[in-house]
Amino acid sequence: MDGTQRDPRSATGEQAEAVEREAAKERLLAQAEAERIPVEETTRAVPDRRWSRER
């Protein structure tokens, strides 16, 4: 053999890591969605009129 055969346990470990990465990605997306502020709820920036009074 040329030594390229893989240990079946390493393939299982790689699959477990892939599942963990996907779960972490889903958690991050869920957290971002929970923290998202809809556009309708944001306030418009209002110019500071104090500067125009001094002129």
PDB file of N, CA and C in Angstrom:
ATOM      1  N   MET A   1       0.845  -1.198   0.000  1.00  0.00           N
ATOM      2  CA  MET A   1       0.000   0.000   0.000  1.00  0.00           C
ATOM      3  C   MET A   1       0.879   1.246   0.000  1.00  0.00           C
ATOM      4  N   ASP A   2       0.320   2.339  -0.454  1.00  0.00           N
ATOM      5  CA  ASP A   2       1.097   3.572  -0.529  1.00  0.00           C
ATOM      6  C   ASP A   2       0.874   4.496   0.666  1.00  0.00           C
ATOM      7  N   GLY A   3       0.142   4.037   1.649  1.00  0.00           N
ATOM      8  CA  GLY A   3      -0.039   4.833   2.865  1.00  0.00           C
ATOM      9  C   GLY A   3      -1.106   5.909   2.752  1.00  0.00           C
ATOM     10  N   THR A   4      -1.926   5.869   1.721  1.00  0.00           N
ATOM     11  CA  THR A   4      -2.956   6.899   1.566  1.00  0.00           C
ATOM     12  C   THR A   4      -4.285   6.489   2.178  1.00  0.00           C
ATOM     13  N   GLN A   5      -4.369   5.271   2.681  1.00  0.00           N
ATOM     14  CA  GLN A   5      -5.619   4.862   3.315  1.00  0.00           C
ATOM     15  C   GLN A   5      -5.823   5.661   4.591  1.00  0.00           C
ATOM     16  N   ARG A   6      -7.063   5.968   4.861  1.00  0.00           N
ATOM     17  CA  ARG A   6      -7.374   6.772   6.037  1.00  0.00           C
ATOM     18  C   ARG A   6      -7.949   5.882   7.129  1.00  0.00           C
ATOM     19  N   ASP A   7      -7.710   6.293   8.315  1.00  0.00           N
ATOM     20  CA  ASP A   7      -8.300   5.618   9.463  1.00  0.00           C
ATOM     21  C   ASP A   7      -9.788   5.946   9.476  1.00  0.00           C
ATOM     22  N   PRO A   8     -10.663   4.960   9.562  1.00  0.00           N
ATOM     23  CA  PRO A   8     -12.110   5.243   9.569  1.00  0.00           C
ATOM     24  C   PRO A   8     -12.516   6.185  10.700  1.00  0.00           C
ATOM     25  N   ARG A   9     -11.787   6.150  11.789  1.00  0.00           N
ATOM     26  CA  ARG A   9     -12.121   7.045  12.900  1.00  0.00           C
ATOM     27  C   ARG A   9     -11.862   8.499  12.542  1.00  0.00           C
ATOM     28  N   SER A  10     -10.846   8.774  11.707  1.00  0.00           N
ATOM     29  CA  SER A  10     -10.590  10.163  11.326  1.00  0.00           C
ATOM     30  C   SER A  10     -11.704  10.688  10.430  1.00  0.00           C
ATOM     31  N   ALA A  11     -12.258   9.829   9.584  1.00  0.00           N
ATOM     32  CA  ALA A  11     -13.377  10.244   8.742  1.00  0.00           C
ATOM     33  C   ALA A  11     -14.591  10.554   9.622  1.00  0.00           C
ATOM     34  N   THR A  12     -14.801   9.748  10.644  1.00  0.00           N
ATOM     35  CA  THR A  12     -15.905  10.000  11.566  1.00  0.00           C
ATOM     36  C   THR A  12     -15.677  11.309  12.308  1.00  0.00           C
ATOM     37  N   GLY A  13     -14.438  11.573  12.698  1.00  0.00           N
ATOM     38  CA  GLY A  13     -14.098  12.828  13.379  1.00  0.00           C
ATOM     39  C   GLY A  13     -14.332  14.028  12.482  1.00  0.00           C
ATOM     40  N   GLU A  14     -13.967  13.888  11.208  1.00  0.00           N
ATOM     41  CA  GLU A  14     -14.191  14.980  10.262  1.00  0.00           C
ATOM     42  C   GLU A  14     -15.681  15.237  10.076  1.00  0.00           C
ATOM     43  N   GLN A  15     -16.463  14.170  10.039  1.00  0.00           N
ATOM     44  CA  GLN A  15     -17.915  14.337   9.902  1.00  0.00           C
ATOM     45  C   GLN A  15     -18.480  15.031  11.137  1.00  0.00           C
ATOM     46  N   ALA A  16     -17.982  14.657  12.307  1.00  0.00           N
ATOM     47  CA  ALA A  16     -18.458  15.280  13.547  1.00  0.00           C
ATOM     48  C   ALA A  16     -18.096  16.760  13.560  1.00  0.00           C
ATOM     49  N   GLU A  17     -16.889  17.092  13.090  1.00  0.00           N
ATOM     50  CA  GLU A  17     -16.482  18.503  13.027  1.00  0.00           C
ATOM     51  C   GLU A  17     -17.359  19.274  12.054  1.00  0.00           C
ATOM     52  N   ALA A  18     -17.694  18.659  10.933  1.00  0.00           N
ATOM     53  CA  ALA A  18     -18.553  19.322   9.952  1.00  0.00           C
ATOM     54  C   ALA A  18     -19.936  19.583  10.544  1.00  0.00           C
ATOM     55  N   VAL A  19     -20.452  18.621  11.289  1.00  0.00           N
ATOM     56  CA  VAL A  19     -21.758  18.793  11.932  1.00  0.00           C
ATOM     57  C   VAL A  19     -21.683  19.900  12.972  1.00  0.00           C
ATOM     58  N   GLU A  20     -20.601  19.934  13.744  1.00  0.00           N
ATOM     59  CA  GLU A  20     -20.429  20.988  14.756  1.00  0.00           C
ATOM     60  C   GLU A  20     -20.319  22.361  14.111  1.00  0.00           C
ATOM     61  N   ARG A  21     -19.577  22.456  12.986  1.00  0.00           N
ATOM     62  CA  ARG A  21     -19.449  23.742  12.280  1.00  0.00           C
ATOM     63  C   ARG A  21     -20.805  24.221  11.777  1.00  0.00           C
ATOM     64  N   GLU A  22     -21.584  23.299  11.215  1.00  0.00           N
ATOM     65  CA  GLU A  22     -22.909  23.655  10.707  1.00  0.00           C
ATOM     66  C   GLU A  22     -23.819  24.106  11.846  1.00  0.00           C
ATOM     67  N   ALA A  23     -23.750  23.418  12.988  1.00  0.00           N
ATOM     68  CA  ALA A  23     -24.567  23.799  14.141  1.00  0.00           C
ATOM     69  C   ALA A  23     -24.160  25.169  14.657  1.00  0.00           C
ATOM     70  N   ALA A  24     -22.851  25.440  14.684  1.00  0.00           N
ATOM     71  CA  ALA A  24     -22.378  26.743  15.138  1.00  0.00           C
ATOM     72  C   ALA A  24     -22.840  27.836  14.185  1.00  0.00           C
ATOM     73  N   LYS A  25     -22.798  27.560  12.882  1.00  0.00           N
ATOM     74  CA  LYS A  25     -23.256  28.538  11.896  1.00  0.00           C
ATOM     75  C   LYS A  25     -24.737  28.841  12.090  1.00  0.00           C
ATOM     76  N   GLU A  26     -25.532  27.799  12.326  1.00  0.00           N
ATOM     77  CA  GLU A  26     -26.969  27.995  12.550  1.00  0.00           C
ATOM     78  C   GLU A  26     -27.217  28.814  13.815  1.00  0.00           C
ATOM     79  N   ARG A  27     -26.439  28.553  14.878  1.00  0.00           N
ATOM     80  CA  ARG A  27     -26.597  29.333  16.117  1.00  0.00           C
ATOM     81  C   ARG A  27     -26.265  30.800  15.880  1.00  0.00           C
ATOM     82  N   LEU A  28     -25.186  31.063  15.140  1.00  0.00           N
ATOM     83  CA  LEU A  28     -24.816  32.455  14.849  1.00  0.00           C
ATOM     84  C   LEU A  28     -25.885  33.160  14.018  1.00  0.00           C
ATOM     85  N   LEU A  29     -26.412  32.466  13.032  1.00  0.00           N
ATOM     86  CA  LEU A  29     -27.467  33.070  12.209  1.00  0.00           C
ATOM     87  C   LEU A  29     -28.714  33.345  13.030  1.00  0.00           C
ATOM     88  N   ALA A  30     -29.069  32.420  13.920  1.00  0.00           N
ATOM     89  CA  ALA A  30     -30.247  32.619  14.771  1.00  0.00           C
ATOM     90  C   ALA A  30     -30.027  33.790  15.722  1.00  0.00           C
ATOM     91  N   GLN A  31     -28.816  33.905  16.270  1.00  0.00           N
ATOM     92  CA  GLN A  31     -28.519  35.012  17.176  1.00  0.00           C
ATOM     93  C   GLN A  31     -28.556  36.344  16.429  1.00  0.00           C
ATOM     94  N   ALA A  32     -27.988  36.382  15.234  1.00  0.00           N
ATOM     95  CA  ALA A  32     -27.993  37.611  14.444  1.00  0.00           C
ATOM     96  C   ALA A  32     -29.424  38.019  14.097  1.00  0.00           C
ATOM     97  N   GLU A  33     -30.250  37.063  13.755  1.00  0.00           N
ATOM     98  CA  GLU A  33     -31.643  37.366  13.427  1.00  0.00           C
ATOM     99  C   GLU A  33     -32.381  37.883  14.655  1.00  0.00           C
ATOM    100  N   ALA A  34     -32.089  37.308  15.821  1.00  0.00           N
ATOM    101  CA  ALA A  34     -32.753  37.743  17.054  1.00  0.00           C
ATOM    102  C   ALA A  34     -32.342  39.167  17.420  1.00  0.00           C
ATOM    103  N   GLU A  35     -31.097  39.545  17.111  1.00  0.00           N
ATOM    104  CA  GLU A  35     -30.595  40.874  17.477  1.00  0.00           C
ATOM    105  C   GLU A  35     -30.853  41.919  16.399  1.00  0.00           C
ATOM    106  N   ARG A  36     -31.351  41.481  15.252  1.00  0.00           N
ATOM    107  CA  ARG A  36     -31.575  42.396  14.126  1.00  0.00           C
ATOM    108  C   ARG A  36     -32.686  43.380  14.468  1.00  0.00           C
ATOM    109  N   ILE A  37     -32.490  44.614  14.100  1.00  0.00           N
ATOM    110  CA  ILE A  37     -33.507  45.641  14.313  1.00  0.00           C
ATOM    111  C   ILE A  37     -34.146  45.932  12.958  1.00  0.00           C
ATOM    112  N   PRO A  38     -35.449  45.705  12.828  1.00  0.00           N
ATOM    113  CA  PRO A  38     -36.106  45.979  11.551  1.00  0.00           C
ATOM    114  C   PRO A  38     -35.983  47.455  11.169  1.00  0.00           C
ATOM    115  N   VAL A  39     -35.928  47.719   9.895  1.00  0.00           N
ATOM    116  CA  VAL A  39     -35.771  49.082   9.396  1.00  0.00           C
ATOM    117  C   VAL A  39     -36.894  49.975   9.900  1.00  0.00           C
ATOM    118  N   GLU A  40     -38.078  49.410  10.004  1.00  0.00           N
ATOM    119  CA  GLU A  40     -39.230  50.214  10.435  1.00  0.00           C
ATOM    120  C   GLU A  40     -39.067  50.737  11.857  1.00  0.00           C
ATOM    121  N   GLU A  41     -38.260  50.044  12.663  1.00  0.00           N
ATOM    122  CA  GLU A  41     -38.102  50.441  14.061  1.00  0.00           C
ATOM    123  C   GLU A  41     -36.918  51.377  14.292  1.00  0.00           C
ATOM    124  N   THR A  42     -36.145  51.634  13.281  1.00  0.00           N
ATOM    125  CA  THR A  42     -35.008  52.543  13.455  1.00  0.00           C
ATOM    126  C   THR A  42     -35.486  53.973  13.275  1.00  0.00           C
ATOM    127  N   THR A  43     -34.805  54.894  13.896  1.00  0.00           N
ATOM    128  CA  THR A  43     -35.177  56.302  13.772  1.00  0.00           C
ATOM    129  C   THR A  43     -34.268  56.984  12.767  1.00  0.00           C
ATOM    130  N   ARG A  44     -34.806  57.953  12.110  1.00  0.00           N
ATOM    131  CA  ARG A  44     -33.997  58.726  11.166  1.00  0.00           C
ATOM    132  C   ARG A  44     -33.083  59.649  11.927  1.00  0.00           C
ATOM    133  N   ALA A  45     -31.945  59.918  11.353  1.00  0.00           N
ATOM    134  CA  ALA A  45     -31.039  60.878  11.960  1.00  0.00           C
ATOM    135  C   ALA A  45     -31.632  62.270  11.793  1.00  0.00           C
ATOM    136  N   VAL A  46     -31.688  63.018  12.867  1.00  0.00           N
ATOM    137  CA  VAL A  46     -32.233  64.370  12.841  1.00  0.00           C
ATOM    138  C   VAL A  46     -31.058  65.333  12.970  1.00  0.00           C
ATOM    139  N   PRO A  47     -30.961  66.312  12.109  1.00  0.00           N
ATOM    140  CA  PRO A  47     -29.830  67.245  12.204  1.00  0.00           C
ATOM    141  C   PRO A  47     -29.867  68.017  13.523  1.00  0.00           C
ATOM    142  N   ASP A  48     -28.704  68.270  14.042  1.00  0.00           N
ATOM    143  CA  ASP A  48     -28.587  69.006  15.295  1.00  0.00           C
ATOM    144  C   ASP A  48     -28.757  70.491  14.984  1.00  0.00           C
ATOM    145  N   ARG A  49     -29.845  71.088  15.436  1.00  0.00           N
ATOM    146  CA  ARG A  49     -30.160  72.473  15.091  1.00  0.00           C
ATOM    147  C   ARG A  49     -29.428  73.487  15.964  1.00  0.00           C
ATOM    148  N   ARG A  50     -28.729  73.024  16.995  1.00  0.00           N
ATOM    149  CA  ARG A  50     -28.004  73.981  17.850  1.00  0.00           C
ATOM    150  C   ARG A  50     -26.978  74.765  17.061  1.00  0.00           C
ATOM    151  N   TRP A  51     -26.376  74.119  16.062  1.00  0.00           N
ATOM    152  CA  TRP A  51     -25.336  74.810  15.293  1.00  0.00           C
ATOM    153  C   TRP A  51     -25.936  75.922  14.450  1.00  0.00           C
ATOM    154  N   SER A  52     -27.139  75.737  13.938  1.00  0.00           N
ATOM    155  CA  SER A  52     -27.727  76.773  13.088  1.00  0.00           C
ATOM    156  C   SER A  52     -28.189  77.980  13.913  1.00  0.00           C
ATOM    157  N   ARG A  53     -28.454  77.829  15.203  1.00  0.00           N
ATOM    158  CA  ARG A  53     -28.879  78.930  16.052  1.00  0.00           C
ATOM    159  C   ARG A  53     -27.750  79.934  16.283  1.00  0.00           C
ATOM    160  N   GLU A  54     -26.532  79.439  16.296  1.00  0.00           N
ATOM    161  CA  GLU A  54     -25.390  80.314  16.590  1.00  0.00           C
ATOM    162  C   GLU A  54     -25.021  81.197  15.410  1.00  0.00           C
ATOM    163  N   ARG A  55     -25.557  80.942  14.264  1.00  0.00           N
ATOM    164  CA  ARG A  55     -25.193  81.732  13.081  1.00  0.00           C
ATOM    165  C   ARG A  55     -25.880  83.048  13.044  1.00  0.00           C
TER     166      ARG A  55
END
